[in-house]
Every structure is written in C-alpha cells, then in structure tokens.
C-alpha cells in the first residue's frame, strides 16, 4: 500500500513538474542508502536499551519468582508448557 501511494504521488508529480519527478527518482535510492546506517544505529541502540532494562529488572523478576514459589503458598500450574 505504501509503494502504491508513493507511485501515485510520483505520477502526479511527473504530470505537474516532470524535471522534479525525474530528480526525485534519481535521489530516492541515494537517500535510502544514506539512511541505512542510521537504521542500523537505531536497531543497535534499541537492543542495548533492552539489554540494560533486562539487567536492571532481573533482580525484581528473581524476587517475584522466589516469592511466588515460597513454601506454604499455593502455586497455580504454569501454562508455559501447554500446547
């Protein structure tokens, strides 16, 4: 759907101002290539923040698990293994 909207927009631009449409057709792959490193940096930063979040929340998750499995307390069966 996004490609169709882009194509229709380019066709309208081609009818209204064909030199600008040709310039956009030439510059679009160059802009895409320049944006690739920024996407990789974004993916990397998101992964690092996820790792830090996991490390910071690990003690709380472990304490919650220990509290849930405490003796004298009824524990509901886990549904993780259920298909």
N, C-alpha and C. Protein backbone atom coordinates (compact mmCIF):
# COMPACT_ATOMS: atom_id res chain seq x y z
N UNK A 1 0.82 -1.18 0.00
CA UNK A 1 0.00 0.00 0.00
C UNK A 1 0.87 1.25 0.00
N UNK A 2 1.95 1.19 0.78
CA UNK A 2 2.85 2.34 0.84
C UNK A 2 3.52 2.58 -0.52
N UNK A 3 3.88 1.49 -1.20
CA UNK A 3 4.50 1.62 -2.51
C UNK A 3 3.52 2.19 -3.53
N UNK A 4 2.26 1.80 -3.42
CA UNK A 4 1.24 2.31 -4.35
C UNK A 4 1.04 3.81 -4.16
N UNK A 5 0.98 4.25 -2.91
CA UNK A 5 0.83 5.69 -2.63
C UNK A 5 2.05 6.46 -3.15
N UNK A 6 3.23 5.90 -2.96
CA UNK A 6 4.45 6.53 -3.46
C UNK A 6 4.43 6.62 -4.98
N UNK A 7 3.99 5.56 -5.64
CA UNK A 7 3.95 5.56 -7.10
C UNK A 7 2.92 6.56 -7.64
N UNK A 8 1.74 6.60 -7.03
CA UNK A 8 0.71 7.55 -7.47
C UNK A 8 1.18 8.98 -7.24
N UNK A 9 1.82 9.23 -6.10
CA UNK A 9 2.37 10.56 -5.84
C UNK A 9 3.43 10.94 -6.85
N UNK A 10 4.27 9.97 -7.21
CA UNK A 10 5.29 10.26 -8.21
C UNK A 10 4.66 10.54 -9.58
N UNK A 11 3.61 9.81 -9.94
CA UNK A 11 2.92 10.05 -11.21
C UNK A 11 2.30 11.43 -11.25
N UNK A 12 1.69 11.85 -10.15
CA UNK A 12 1.12 13.20 -10.09
C UNK A 12 2.22 14.24 -10.20
N UNK A 13 3.33 14.02 -9.52
CA UNK A 13 4.46 14.94 -9.61
C UNK A 13 5.02 14.95 -11.02
N UNK A 14 5.04 13.81 -11.70
CA UNK A 14 5.53 13.73 -13.07
C UNK A 14 4.66 14.56 -14.02
N UNK A 15 3.36 14.53 -13.80
CA UNK A 15 2.45 15.30 -14.65
C UNK A 15 2.60 16.80 -14.37
N UNK A 16 2.74 17.16 -13.11
CA UNK A 16 2.80 18.58 -12.76
C UNK A 16 4.17 19.19 -13.05
N UNK A 17 5.23 18.46 -12.72
CA UNK A 17 6.59 19.01 -12.90
C UNK A 17 7.55 17.86 -13.15
N UNK A 18 7.71 17.48 -14.42
CA UNK A 18 8.49 16.29 -14.73
C UNK A 18 9.97 16.39 -14.36
N UNK A 19 10.64 17.57 -14.44
CA UNK A 19 12.06 17.57 -14.02
C UNK A 19 12.23 17.24 -12.53
N UNK A 20 11.32 17.73 -11.70
CA UNK A 20 11.39 17.42 -10.28
C UNK A 20 11.12 15.95 -10.02
N UNK A 21 10.21 15.35 -10.80
CA UNK A 21 9.91 13.93 -10.64
C UNK A 21 11.12 13.07 -11.03
N UNK A 22 11.79 13.43 -12.10
CA UNK A 22 12.99 12.69 -12.51
C UNK A 22 14.10 12.84 -11.46
N UNK A 23 14.24 14.06 -10.91
CA UNK A 23 15.24 14.28 -9.86
C UNK A 23 14.91 13.44 -8.62
N UNK A 24 13.64 13.37 -8.27
CA UNK A 24 13.24 12.56 -7.13
C UNK A 24 13.51 11.08 -7.40
N UNK A 25 13.30 10.65 -8.62
CA UNK A 25 13.55 9.26 -8.98
C UNK A 25 15.04 8.92 -8.88
N UNK A 26 15.89 9.87 -9.17
CA UNK A 26 17.33 9.66 -9.09
C UNK A 26 17.82 9.73 -7.63
N UNK A 27 17.26 10.67 -6.85
CA UNK A 27 17.74 10.89 -5.49
C UNK A 27 17.18 9.89 -4.47
N UNK A 28 16.06 9.25 -4.77
CA UNK A 28 15.45 8.34 -3.80
C UNK A 28 16.37 7.18 -3.41
N UNK A 29 17.04 6.50 -4.34
CA UNK A 29 17.96 5.43 -3.91
C UNK A 29 19.16 5.94 -3.12
N UNK A 30 19.62 7.14 -3.44
CA UNK A 30 20.75 7.72 -2.72
C UNK A 30 20.36 8.03 -1.28
N UNK A 31 19.18 8.61 -1.09
CA UNK A 31 18.69 8.92 0.25
C UNK A 31 18.48 7.63 1.04
N UNK A 32 17.98 6.58 0.38
CA UNK A 32 17.77 5.30 1.04
C UNK A 32 19.10 4.71 1.50
N UNK A 33 20.12 4.78 0.64
CA UNK A 33 21.44 4.27 1.03
C UNK A 33 22.05 5.06 2.18
N UNK A 34 21.82 6.37 2.21
CA UNK A 34 22.34 7.18 3.31
C UNK A 34 21.61 6.92 4.62
N UNK A 35 20.36 6.49 4.54
CA UNK A 35 19.60 6.25 5.77
C UNK A 35 19.86 4.87 6.38
N UNK A 36 20.47 3.95 5.63
CA UNK A 36 20.73 2.61 6.15
C UNK A 36 21.59 2.60 7.41
N UNK A 37 22.70 3.33 7.46
CA UNK A 37 23.49 3.33 8.71
C UNK A 37 22.71 3.87 9.90
N UNK A 38 21.84 4.84 9.67
CA UNK A 38 21.05 5.39 10.77
C UNK A 38 20.06 4.35 11.29
N UNK A 39 19.51 3.54 10.40
CA UNK A 39 18.61 2.47 10.84
C UNK A 39 19.37 1.44 11.66
N UNK A 40 20.58 1.10 11.23
CA UNK A 40 21.39 0.14 11.99
C UNK A 40 21.74 0.67 13.37
N UNK A 41 22.05 1.96 13.45
CA UNK A 41 22.34 2.57 14.75
C UNK A 41 21.09 2.52 15.63
N UNK A 42 19.92 2.79 15.06
CA UNK A 42 18.68 2.73 15.82
C UNK A 42 18.39 1.34 16.34
N UNK A 43 18.61 0.33 15.52
CA UNK A 43 18.40 -1.05 15.96
C UNK A 43 19.36 -1.41 17.07
N UNK A 44 20.61 -0.99 16.94
CA UNK A 44 21.63 -1.29 17.95
C UNK A 44 21.31 -0.60 19.28
N UNK A 45 20.92 0.67 19.22
CA UNK A 45 20.60 1.40 20.45
C UNK A 45 19.39 0.78 21.14
N UNK A 46 18.39 0.37 20.36
CA UNK A 46 17.21 -0.28 20.94
C UNK A 46 17.59 -1.60 21.62
N UNK A 47 18.49 -2.35 21.01
CA UNK A 47 18.93 -3.62 21.60
C UNK A 47 19.72 -3.38 22.89
N UNK A 48 20.57 -2.37 22.90
CA UNK A 48 21.36 -2.07 24.11
C UNK A 48 20.44 -1.64 25.24
N UNK A 49 19.45 -0.80 24.94
CA UNK A 49 18.50 -0.38 25.98
C UNK A 49 17.69 -1.57 26.49
N UNK A 50 17.33 -2.49 25.61
CA UNK A 50 16.62 -3.69 26.04
C UNK A 50 17.47 -4.55 26.95
N UNK A 51 18.76 -4.66 26.64
CA UNK A 51 19.67 -5.43 27.48
C UNK A 51 19.82 -4.78 28.86
N UNK A 52 19.99 -3.47 28.87
CA UNK A 52 20.13 -2.76 30.15
C UNK A 52 18.85 -2.90 30.97
N UNK A 53 17.71 -2.79 30.32
CA UNK A 53 16.42 -2.94 31.02
C UNK A 53 16.30 -4.35 31.61
N UNK A 54 16.70 -5.34 30.81
CA UNK A 54 16.64 -6.71 31.31
C UNK A 54 17.56 -6.94 32.50
N UNK A 55 18.75 -6.35 32.45
CA UNK A 55 19.69 -6.50 33.56
C UNK A 55 19.20 -5.78 34.82
N UNK A 56 18.59 -4.61 34.63
CA UNK A 56 18.11 -3.87 35.79
C UNK A 56 16.87 -4.51 36.42
N UNK A 57 16.04 -5.14 35.61
CA UNK A 57 14.82 -5.74 36.13
C UNK A 57 15.00 -7.21 36.54
N UNK A 58 16.18 -7.77 36.30
CA UNK A 58 16.42 -9.16 36.65
C UNK A 58 16.25 -9.44 38.15
N UNK A 59 16.80 -8.60 39.04
CA UNK A 59 16.59 -8.89 40.48
C UNK A 59 15.10 -8.89 40.86
N UNK A 60 14.34 -7.98 40.31
CA UNK A 60 12.92 -7.93 40.64
C UNK A 60 12.20 -9.18 40.11
N UNK A 61 12.59 -9.63 38.94
CA UNK A 61 11.98 -10.85 38.40
C UNK A 61 12.35 -12.06 39.23
N UNK A 62 13.59 -12.12 39.68
CA UNK A 62 14.01 -13.24 40.52
C UNK A 62 13.31 -13.23 41.87
N UNK A 63 13.16 -12.04 42.46
CA UNK A 63 12.46 -11.94 43.74
C UNK A 63 10.98 -12.31 43.58
N UNK A 64 10.39 -11.91 42.48
CA UNK A 64 8.99 -12.25 42.23
C UNK A 64 8.84 -13.76 42.06
N UNK A 65 9.78 -14.38 41.40
CA UNK A 65 9.74 -15.83 41.22
C UNK A 65 9.91 -16.54 42.56
N UNK A 66 10.83 -16.04 43.41
CA UNK A 66 11.06 -16.65 44.72
C UNK A 66 9.83 -16.46 45.60
N UNK A 67 9.19 -15.31 45.53
CA UNK A 67 8.01 -15.05 46.34
C UNK A 67 6.84 -15.92 45.89
N UNK A 68 6.75 -16.16 44.60
CA UNK A 68 5.65 -16.96 44.06
C UNK A 68 5.82 -18.44 44.44
N UNK A 69 7.06 -18.91 44.54
CA UNK A 69 7.33 -20.31 44.85
C UNK A 69 7.62 -20.53 46.34
N UNK A 70 7.23 -19.59 47.19
CA UNK A 70 7.52 -19.72 48.63
C UNK A 70 6.74 -20.89 49.22
N UNK A 71 7.34 -21.60 50.22
CA UNK A 71 6.64 -22.74 50.84
C UNK A 71 5.41 -22.25 51.61
N UNK A 72 4.38 -23.09 51.63
CA UNK A 72 3.16 -22.74 52.33
C UNK A 72 2.22 -21.90 51.50
N UNK A 73 2.56 -21.67 50.28
CA UNK A 73 1.73 -20.84 49.42
C UNK A 73 1.30 -21.67 48.21
N UNK A 74 0.04 -21.63 47.88
CA UNK A 74 -0.46 -22.40 46.75
C UNK A 74 0.00 -21.74 45.45
N UNK A 75 0.55 -22.57 44.58
CA UNK A 75 1.06 -22.07 43.32
C UNK A 75 0.19 -22.63 42.19
N UNK A 76 -0.27 -21.73 41.34
CA UNK A 76 -1.08 -22.17 40.21
C UNK A 76 -0.18 -22.84 39.19
N UNK A 77 -0.68 -23.88 38.49
CA UNK A 77 0.15 -24.55 37.49
C UNK A 77 0.49 -23.61 36.35
N UNK A 78 1.69 -23.77 35.84
CA UNK A 78 2.15 -22.91 34.77
C UNK A 78 1.59 -23.39 33.43
N UNK A 79 1.26 -22.45 32.58
CA UNK A 79 0.73 -22.78 31.26
C UNK A 79 1.78 -22.63 30.17
N UNK A 80 3.03 -22.50 30.54
CA UNK A 80 4.09 -22.30 29.55
C UNK A 80 4.31 -23.54 28.71
N UNK A 81 4.17 -24.71 29.28
CA UNK A 81 4.42 -25.93 28.54
C UNK A 81 3.21 -26.42 27.75
N UNK A 82 2.07 -25.79 27.96
CA UNK A 82 0.85 -26.23 27.27
C UNK A 82 0.91 -25.87 25.79
N UNK A 83 0.45 -26.79 24.96
CA UNK A 83 0.49 -26.53 23.51
C UNK A 83 -0.79 -25.87 23.07
